[in-house]
Amino acid sequence: MAHTIQFRLHAPGDLGKFRLPAGVQRRLNELLDRQDQGTPLTAAERREAEGLVELAEMLSLLKLRASGAQTAAA
Protein backbone atom coordinates (compact mmCIF):
# COMPACT_ATOMS: atom_id res chain seq x y z
CA MET A 1 0.00 0.00 0.00
CA ALA A 2 1.41 3.41 -0.99
CA HIS A 3 1.64 6.19 1.57
CA THR A 4 2.26 9.88 1.09
CA ILE A 5 4.57 11.62 3.50
CA GLN A 6 4.89 15.37 3.63
CA PHE A 7 7.45 17.33 5.57
CA ARG A 8 8.69 20.88 5.69
CA LEU A 9 12.28 21.97 5.25
CA HIS A 10 13.72 25.32 6.08
CA ALA A 11 15.83 26.06 3.05
CA PRO A 12 18.06 29.00 2.21
CA GLY A 13 16.42 31.78 0.25
CA ASP A 14 18.70 31.20 -2.71
CA LEU A 15 17.64 27.56 -3.13
CA GLY A 16 16.29 28.44 -6.57
CA LYS A 17 19.85 29.17 -7.69
CA PHE A 18 21.12 25.64 -6.95
CA ARG A 19 22.42 23.80 -10.00
CA LEU A 20 24.96 21.20 -10.89
CA PRO A 21 28.52 22.52 -10.78
CA ALA A 22 29.84 23.30 -14.26
CA GLY A 23 32.23 20.33 -14.33
CA VAL A 24 29.52 17.91 -13.27
CA GLN A 25 27.13 19.33 -15.87
CA ARG A 26 29.83 18.95 -18.56
CA ARG A 27 30.39 15.32 -17.56
CA LEU A 28 26.67 14.57 -17.70
CA ASN A 29 26.41 16.25 -21.11
CA GLU A 30 29.40 14.26 -22.35
CA LEU A 31 27.88 10.95 -21.26
CA LEU A 32 24.44 11.78 -22.68
CA ASP A 33 25.93 13.06 -25.96
CA ARG A 34 27.94 9.86 -26.40
CA GLN A 35 24.84 7.79 -25.73
CA ASP A 36 22.79 9.88 -28.19
CA GLN A 37 25.48 9.37 -30.84
CA GLY A 38 25.14 5.61 -30.46
CA THR A 39 28.35 5.06 -28.52
CA PRO A 40 27.59 2.50 -25.84
CA LEU A 41 28.42 3.49 -22.29
CA THR A 42 30.11 1.08 -19.94
CA ALA A 43 28.05 -0.19 -17.03
CA ALA A 44 29.90 2.21 -14.71
CA GLU A 45 29.30 5.16 -17.05
CA ARG A 46 25.62 4.26 -17.33
CA ARG A 47 25.28 4.20 -13.52
CA GLU A 48 27.16 7.50 -13.32
CA ALA A 49 24.87 9.11 -15.90
CA GLU A 50 21.75 7.78 -14.18
CA GLY A 51 22.94 9.16 -10.83
CA LEU A 52 23.74 12.55 -12.33
CA VAL A 53 20.35 12.69 -14.06
CA GLU A 54 18.64 11.89 -10.75
CA LEU A 55 20.62 14.63 -9.04
CA ALA A 56 19.77 17.15 -11.78
CA GLU A 57 16.09 16.21 -11.55
CA MET A 58 16.12 16.59 -7.77
CA LEU A 59 17.70 20.04 -8.05
CA SER A 60 15.11 21.04 -10.66
CA LEU A 61 12.32 19.89 -8.37
CA LEU A 62 13.80 21.82 -5.44
CA LYS A 63 14.06 24.95 -7.60
CA LEU A 64 10.45 24.54 -8.71
CA ARG A 65 9.23 24.06 -5.16
CA ALA A 66 11.30 27.00 -3.96
CA SER A 67 9.81 29.27 -6.62
CA GLY A 68 6.32 28.07 -5.68
CA ALA A 69 6.98 28.74 -2.00
CA GLN A 70 8.28 32.23 -2.78
CA THR A 71 5.20 32.93 -4.91
CA ALA A 72 2.89 31.72 -2.13
CA ALA A 73 4.70 33.84 0.46
CA ALA A 74 4.39 37.00 -1.64
PDB file of N, CA and C in Angstrom:
ATOM      1  N   MET A   1       0.842  -1.172   0.000  1.00  0.00           N
ATOM      2  CA  MET A   1       0.000   0.000   0.000  1.00  0.00           C
ATOM      3  C   MET A   1       0.890   1.238   0.000  1.00  0.00           C
ATOM      4  N   ALA A   2       0.623   2.182  -0.882  1.00  0.00           N
ATOM      5  CA  ALA A   2       1.410   3.411  -0.994  1.00  0.00           C
ATOM      6  C   ALA A   2       0.963   4.420   0.054  1.00  0.00           C
ATOM      7  N   HIS A   3       1.908   5.133   0.592  1.00  0.00           N
ATOM      8  CA  HIS A   3       1.636   6.186   1.568  1.00  0.00           C
ATOM      9  C   HIS A   3       2.294   7.470   1.077  1.00  0.00           C
ATOM     10  N   THR A   4       1.678   8.579   1.400  1.00  0.00           N
ATOM     11  CA  THR A   4       2.256   9.877   1.089  1.00  0.00           C
ATOM     12  C   THR A   4       2.756  10.492   2.379  1.00  0.00           C
ATOM     13  N   ILE A   5       3.978  10.969   2.343  1.00  0.00           N
ATOM     14  CA  ILE A   5       4.573  11.617   3.501  1.00  0.00           C
ATOM     15  C   ILE A   5       4.942  13.033   3.088  1.00  0.00           C
ATOM     16  N   GLN A   6       4.531  13.984   3.893  1.00  0.00           N
ATOM     17  CA  GLN A   6       4.887  15.372   3.633  1.00  0.00           C
ATOM     18  C   GLN A   6       5.687  15.898   4.812  1.00  0.00           C
ATOM     19  N   PHE A   7       6.677  16.699   4.521  1.00  0.00           N
ATOM     20  CA  PHE A   7       7.453  17.326   5.571  1.00  0.00           C
ATOM     21  C   PHE A   7       7.907  18.685   5.085  1.00  0.00           C
ATOM     22  N   ARG A   8       8.245  19.534   6.025  1.00  0.00           N
ATOM     23  CA  ARG A   8       8.693  20.882   5.695  1.00  0.00           C
ATOM     24  C   ARG A   8      10.185  21.001   5.979  1.00  0.00           C
ATOM     25  N   LEU A   9      10.857  21.680   5.086  1.00  0.00           N
ATOM     26  CA  LEU A   9      12.276  21.969   5.246  1.00  0.00           C
ATOM     27  C   LEU A   9      12.463  23.470   5.274  1.00  0.00           C
ATOM     28  N   HIS A  10      13.323  23.924   6.128  1.00  0.00           N
ATOM     29  CA  HIS A  10      13.715  25.323   6.081  1.00  0.00           C
ATOM     30  C   HIS A  10      14.937  25.381   5.171  1.00  0.00           C
ATOM     31  N   ALA A  11      14.772  26.018   4.048  1.00  0.00           N
ATOM     32  CA  ALA A  11      15.831  26.057   3.045  1.00  0.00           C
ATOM     33  C   ALA A  11      16.320  27.489   2.869  1.00  0.00           C
ATOM     34  N   PRO A  12      17.548  27.642   2.458  1.00  0.00           N
ATOM     35  CA  PRO A  12      18.059  29.000   2.212  1.00  0.00           C
ATOM     36  C   PRO A  12      17.249  29.700   1.128  1.00  0.00           C
ATOM     37  N   GLY A  13      17.186  30.997   1.206  1.00  0.00           N
ATOM     38  CA  GLY A  13      16.417  31.780   0.251  1.00  0.00           C
ATOM     39  C   GLY A  13      16.912  31.674  -1.175  1.00  0.00           C
ATOM     40  N   ASP A  14      18.157  31.303  -1.354  1.00  0.00           N
ATOM     41  CA  ASP A  14      18.700  31.201  -2.708  1.00  0.00           C
ATOM     42  C   ASP A  14      18.642  29.765  -3.242  1.00  0.00           C
ATOM     43  N   LEU A  15      17.769  28.954  -2.691  1.00  0.00           N
ATOM     44  CA  LEU A  15      17.641  27.563  -3.128  1.00  0.00           C
ATOM     45  C   LEU A  15      17.343  27.480  -4.623  1.00  0.00           C
ATOM     46  N   GLY A  16      16.612  28.430  -5.150  1.00  0.00           N
ATOM     47  CA  GLY A  16      16.291  28.438  -6.571  1.00  0.00           C
ATOM     48  C   GLY A  16      17.499  28.611  -7.472  1.00  0.00           C
ATOM     49  N   LYS A  17      18.635  28.986  -6.899  1.00  0.00           N
ATOM     50  CA  LYS A  17      19.852  29.171  -7.687  1.00  0.00           C
ATOM     51  C   LYS A  17      20.716  27.914  -7.728  1.00  0.00           C
ATOM     52  N   PHE A  18      20.328  26.873  -6.968  1.00  0.00           N
ATOM     53  CA  PHE A  18      21.117  25.642  -6.949  1.00  0.00           C
ATOM     54  C   PHE A  18      21.124  25.009  -8.320  1.00  0.00           C
ATOM     55  N   ARG A  19      22.282  24.523  -8.727  1.00  0.00           N
ATOM     56  CA  ARG A  19      22.416  23.805  -9.999  1.00  0.00           C
ATOM     57  C   ARG A  19      23.654  22.938  -9.909  1.00  0.00           C
ATOM     58  N   LEU A  20      23.768  22.038 -10.852  1.00  0.00           N
ATOM     59  CA  LEU A  20      24.959  21.204 -10.890  1.00  0.00           C
ATOM     60  C   LEU A  20      26.181  22.083 -11.124  1.00  0.00           C
ATOM     61  N   PRO A  21      27.291  21.796 -10.462  1.00  0.00           N
ATOM     62  CA  PRO A  21      28.520  22.524 -10.777  1.00  0.00           C
ATOM     63  C   PRO A  21      28.870  22.336 -12.249  1.00  0.00           C
ATOM     64  N   ALA A  22      29.550  23.309 -12.824  1.00  0.00           N
ATOM     65  CA  ALA A  22      29.840  23.300 -14.259  1.00  0.00           C
ATOM     66  C   ALA A  22      30.537  22.021 -14.706  1.00  0.00           C
ATOM     67  N   GLY A  23      31.515  21.550 -13.949  1.00  0.00           N
ATOM     68  CA  GLY A  23      32.231  20.334 -14.332  1.00  0.00           C
ATOM     69  C   GLY A  23      31.341  19.106 -14.312  1.00  0.00           C
ATOM     70  N   VAL A  24      30.446  19.042 -13.364  1.00  0.00           N
ATOM     71  CA  VAL A  24      29.518  17.913 -13.268  1.00  0.00           C
ATOM     72  C   VAL A  24      28.531  17.975 -14.427  1.00  0.00           C
ATOM     73  N   GLN A  25      28.045  19.171 -14.746  1.00  0.00           N
ATOM     74  CA  GLN A  25      27.128  19.329 -15.872  1.00  0.00           C
ATOM     75  C   GLN A  25      27.806  18.937 -17.178  1.00  0.00           C
ATOM     76  N   ARG A  26      29.084  19.331 -17.350  1.00  0.00           N
ATOM     77  CA  ARG A  26      29.834  18.954 -18.558  1.00  0.00           C
ATOM     78  C   ARG A  26      29.958  17.435 -18.666  1.00  0.00           C
ATOM     79  N   ARG A  27      30.256  16.775 -17.546  1.00  0.00           N
ATOM     80  CA  ARG A  27      30.392  15.315 -17.556  1.00  0.00           C
ATOM     81  C   ARG A  27      29.073  14.659 -17.924  1.00  0.00           C
ATOM     82  N   LEU A  28      27.983  15.135 -17.361  1.00  0.00           N
ATOM     83  CA  LEU A  28      26.669  14.575 -17.696  1.00  0.00           C
ATOM     84  C   LEU A  28      26.385  14.780 -19.177  1.00  0.00           C
ATOM     85  N   ASN A  29      26.632  15.977 -19.686  1.00  0.00           N
ATOM     86  CA  ASN A  29      26.406  16.248 -21.108  1.00  0.00           C
ATOM     87  C   ASN A  29      27.252  15.339 -21.987  1.00  0.00           C
ATOM     88  N   GLU A  30      28.501  15.135 -21.582  1.00  0.00           N
ATOM     89  CA  GLU A  30      29.399  14.264 -22.350  1.00  0.00           C
ATOM     90  C   GLU A  30      28.838  12.838 -22.425  1.00  0.00           C
ATOM     91  N   LEU A  31      28.417  12.311 -21.285  1.00  0.00           N
ATOM     92  CA  LEU A  31      27.881  10.951 -21.261  1.00  0.00           C
ATOM     93  C   LEU A  31      26.597  10.847 -22.092  1.00  0.00           C
ATOM     94  N   LEU A  32      25.708  11.823 -21.937  1.00  0.00           N
ATOM     95  CA  LEU A  32      24.443  11.784 -22.681  1.00  0.00           C
ATOM     96  C   LEU A  32      24.671  11.973 -24.180  1.00  0.00           C
ATOM     97  N   ASP A  33      25.611  12.847 -24.539  1.00  0.00           N
ATOM     98  CA  ASP A  33      25.928  13.055 -25.962  1.00  0.00           C
ATOM     99  C   ASP A  33      26.477  11.776 -26.578  1.00  0.00           C
ATOM    100  N   ARG A  34      27.388  11.113 -25.873  1.00  0.00           N
ATOM    101  CA  ARG A  34      27.944   9.860 -26.396  1.00  0.00           C
ATOM    102  C   ARG A  34      26.847   8.826 -26.599  1.00  0.00           C
ATOM    103  N   GLN A  35      25.950   8.748 -25.624  1.00  0.00           N
ATOM    104  CA  GLN A  35      24.838   7.793 -25.729  1.00  0.00           C
ATOM    105  C   GLN A  35      23.935   8.145 -26.903  1.00  0.00           C
ATOM    106  N   ASP A  36      23.643   9.434 -27.089  1.00  0.00           N
ATOM    107  CA  ASP A  36      22.793   9.877 -28.195  1.00  0.00           C
ATOM    108  C   ASP A  36      23.434   9.611 -29.554  1.00  0.00           C
ATOM    109  N   GLN A  37      24.765   9.618 -29.597  1.00  0.00           N
ATOM    110  CA  GLN A  37      25.478   9.369 -30.840  1.00  0.00           C
ATOM    111  C   GLN A  37      25.633   7.876 -31.124  1.00  0.00           C
ATOM    112  N   GLY A  38      25.091   7.049 -30.249  1.00  0.00           N
ATOM    113  CA  GLY A  38      25.140   5.607 -30.464  1.00  0.00           C
ATOM    114  C   GLY A  38      26.364   4.926 -29.891  1.00  0.00           C
ATOM    115  N   THR A  39      27.198   5.667 -29.167  1.00  0.00           N
ATOM    116  CA  THR A  39      28.354   5.058 -28.523  1.00  0.00           C
ATOM    117  C   THR A  39      27.905   4.441 -27.209  1.00  0.00           C
ATOM    118  N   PRO A  40      28.055   3.124 -27.074  1.00  0.00           N
ATOM    119  CA  PRO A  40      27.592   2.498 -25.836  1.00  0.00           C
ATOM    120  C   PRO A  40      28.420   2.950 -24.633  1.00  0.00           C
ATOM    121  N   LEU A  41      27.748   3.155 -23.531  1.00  0.00           N
ATOM    122  CA  LEU A  41      28.418   3.494 -22.285  1.00  0.00           C
ATOM    123  C   LEU A  41      28.741   2.200 -21.552  1.00  0.00           C
ATOM    124  N   THR A  42      29.823   2.232 -20.787  1.00  0.00           N
ATOM    125  CA  THR A  42      30.113   1.081 -19.941  1.00  0.00           C
ATOM    126  C   THR A  42      29.063   1.037 -18.833  1.00  0.00           C
ATOM    127  N   ALA A  43      29.005  -0.065 -18.129  1.00  0.00           N
ATOM    128  CA  ALA A  43      28.048  -0.186 -17.030  1.00  0.00           C
ATOM    129  C   ALA A  43      28.295   0.905 -15.982  1.00  0.00           C
ATOM    130  N   ALA A  44      29.563   1.173 -15.691  1.00  0.00           N
ATOM    131  CA  ALA A  44      29.901   2.208 -14.706  1.00  0.00           C
ATOM    132  C   ALA A  44      29.481   3.591 -15.207  1.00  0.00           C
ATOM    133  N   GLU A  45      29.699   3.867 -16.482  1.00  0.00           N
ATOM    134  CA  GLU A  45      29.300   5.162 -17.047  1.00  0.00           C
ATOM    135  C   GLU A  45      27.782   5.303 -17.048  1.00  0.00           C
ATOM    136  N   ARG A  46      27.083   4.225 -17.331  1.00  0.00           N
ATOM    137  CA  ARG A  46      25.623   4.262 -17.328  1.00  0.00           C
ATOM    138  C   ARG A  46      25.104   4.569 -15.918  1.00  0.00           C
ATOM    139  N   ARG A  47      25.692   3.920 -14.910  1.00  0.00           N
ATOM    140  CA  ARG A  47      25.281   4.198 -13.519  1.00  0.00           C
ATOM    141  C   ARG A  47      25.607   5.641 -13.146  1.00  0.00           C
ATOM    142  N   GLU A  48      26.772   6.116 -13.584  1.00  0.00           N
ATOM    143  CA  GLU A  48      27.159   7.497 -13.319  1.00  0.00           C
ATOM    144  C   GLU A  48      26.161   8.464 -13.949  1.00  0.00           C
ATOM    145  N   ALA A  49      25.824   8.235 -15.204  1.00  0.00           N
ATOM    146  CA  ALA A  49      24.873   9.106 -15.903  1.00  0.00           C
ATOM    147  C   ALA A  49      23.513   9.071 -15.222  1.00  0.00           C
ATOM    148  N   GLU A  50      23.057   7.891 -14.846  1.00  0.00           N
ATOM    149  CA  GLU A  50      21.755   7.779 -14.178  1.00  0.00           C
ATOM    150  C   GLU A  50      21.753   8.541 -12.860  1.00  0.00           C
ATOM    151  N   GLY A  51      22.844   8.429 -12.096  1.00  0.00           N
ATOM    152  CA  GLY A  51      22.937   9.159 -10.835  1.00  0.00           C
ATOM    153  C   GLY A  51      22.954  10.659 -11.038  1.00  0.00           C
ATOM    154  N   LEU A  52      23.678  11.108 -12.054  1.00  0.00           N
ATOM    155  CA  LEU A  52      23.740  12.547 -12.335  1.00  0.00           C
ATOM    156  C   LEU A  52      22.394  13.075 -12.820  1.00  0.00           C
ATOM    157  N   VAL A  53      21.682  12.288 -13.610  1.00  0.00           N
ATOM    158  CA  VAL A  53      20.349  12.694 -14.060  1.00  0.00           C
ATOM    159  C   VAL A  53      19.414  12.796 -12.860  1.00  0.00           C
ATOM    160  N   GLU A  54      19.479  11.831 -11.950  1.00  0.00           N
ATOM    161  CA  GLU A  54      18.640  11.887 -10.750  1.00  0.00           C
ATOM    162  C   GLU A  54      18.951  13.130  -9.927  1.00  0.00           C
ATOM    163  N   LEU A  55      20.226  13.442  -9.788  1.00  0.00           N
ATOM    164  CA  LEU A  55      20.618  14.631  -9.041  1.00  0.00           C
ATOM    165  C   LEU A  55      20.107  15.898  -9.719  1.00  0.00           C
ATOM    166  N   ALA A  56      20.257  15.975 -11.035  1.00  0.00           N
ATOM    167  CA  ALA A  56      19.770  17.148 -11.777  1.00  0.00           C
ATOM    168  C   ALA A  56      18.259  17.285 -11.643  1.00  0.00           C
ATOM    169  N   GLU A  57      17.543  16.165 -11.700  1.00  0.00           N
ATOM    170  CA  GLU A  57      16.091  16.210 -11.552  1.00  0.00           C
ATOM    171  C   GLU A  57      15.696  16.658 -10.151  1.00  0.00           C
ATOM    172  N   MET A  58      16.422  16.185  -9.135  1.00  0.00           N
ATOM    173  CA  MET A  58      16.123  16.589  -7.765  1.00  0.00           C
ATOM    174  C   MET A  58      16.354  18.092  -7.588  1.00  0.00           C
ATOM    175  N   LEU A  59      17.440  18.606  -8.139  1.00  0.00           N
ATOM    176  CA  LEU A  59      17.700  20.042  -8.050  1.00  0.00           C
ATOM    177  C   LEU A  59      16.625  20.846  -8.778  1.00  0.00           C
ATOM    178  N   SER A  60      16.177  20.351  -9.925  1.00  0.00           N
ATOM    179  CA  SER A  60      15.106  21.036 -10.661  1.00  0.00           C
ATOM    180  C   SER A  60      13.825  21.062  -9.845  1.00  0.00           C
ATOM    181  N   LEU A  61      13.513  19.949  -9.204  1.00  0.00           N
ATOM    182  CA  LEU A  61      12.315  19.893  -8.371  1.00  0.00           C
ATOM    183  C   LEU A  61      12.428  20.844  -7.189  1.00  0.00           C
ATOM    184  N   LEU A  62      13.599  20.891  -6.557  1.00  0.00           N
ATOM    185  CA  LEU A  62      13.799  21.823  -5.445  1.00  0.00           C
ATOM    186  C   LEU A  62      13.644  23.267  -5.898  1.00  0.00           C
ATOM    187  N   LYS A  63      14.192  23.594  -7.067  1.00  0.00           N
ATOM    188  CA  LYS A  63      14.058  24.949  -7.603  1.00  0.00           C
ATOM    189  C   LYS A  63      12.596  25.286  -7.864  1.00  0.00           C
ATOM    190  N   LEU A  64      11.868  24.326  -8.432  1.00  0.00           N
ATOM    191  CA  LEU A  64      10.452  24.538  -8.715  1.00  0.00           C
ATOM    192  C   LEU A  64       9.660  24.755  -7.432  1.00  0.00           C
ATOM    193  N   ARG A  65       9.926  23.914  -6.447  1.00  0.00           N
ATOM    194  CA  ARG A  65       9.229  24.056  -5.163  1.00  0.00           C
ATOM    195  C   ARG A  65       9.599  25.363  -4.480  1.00  0.00           C
ATOM    196  N   ALA A  66      10.868  25.756  -4.581  1.00  0.00           N
ATOM    197  CA  ALA A  66      11.304  27.003  -3.963  1.00  0.00           C
ATOM    198  C   ALA A  66      10.609  28.188  -4.617  1.00  0.00           C
ATOM    199  N   SER A  67      10.475  28.162  -5.935  1.00  0.00           N
ATOM    200  CA  SER A  67       9.809  29.271  -6.623  1.00  0.00           C
ATOM    201  C   SER A  67       8.335  29.296  -6.267  1.00  0.00           C
ATOM    202  N   GLY A  68       7.724  28.139  -6.094  1.00  0.00           N
ATOM    203  CA  GLY A  68       6.323  28.074  -5.681  1.00  0.00           C
ATOM    204  C   GLY A  68       6.131  28.591  -4.267  1.00  0.00           C
ATOM    205  N   ALA A  69       7.064  28.265  -3.386  1.00  0.00           N
ATOM    206  CA  ALA A  69       6.983  28.738  -1.998  1.00  0.00           C
ATOM    207  C   ALA A  69       7.162  30.246  -1.934  1.00  0.00           C
ATOM    208  N   GLN A  70       8.066  30.780  -2.774  1.00  0.00           N
ATOM    209  CA  GLN A  70       8.276  32.230  -2.780  1.00  0.00           C
ATOM    210  C   GLN A  70       7.049  32.937  -3.324  1.00  0.00           C
ATOM    211  N   THR A  71       6.408  32.343  -4.334  1.00  0.00           N
ATOM    212  CA  THR A  71       5.197  32.931  -4.905  1.00  0.00           C
ATOM    213  C   THR A  71       4.070  32.920  -3.875  1.00  0.00           C
ATOM    214  N   ALA A  72       3.940  31.826  -3.135  1.00  0.00           N
ATOM    215  CA  ALA A  72       2.890  31.715  -2.126  1.00  0.00           C
ATOM    216  C   ALA A  72       3.119  32.676  -0.968  1.00  0.00           C
ATOM    217  N   ALA A  73       4.382  32.938  -0.642  1.00  0.00           N
ATOM    218  CA  ALA A  73       4.704  33.839   0.459  1.00  0.00           C
ATOM    219  C   ALA A  73       4.506  35.296   0.089  1.00  0.00           C
ATOM    220  N   ALA A  74       4.499  35.608  -1.199  1.00  0.00           N
ATOM    221  CA  ALA A  74       4.393  37.005  -1.638  1.00  0.00           C
ATOM    222  C   ALA A  74       2.993  37.532  -1.543  1.00  0.00           C
TER     223      ALA A  74
END
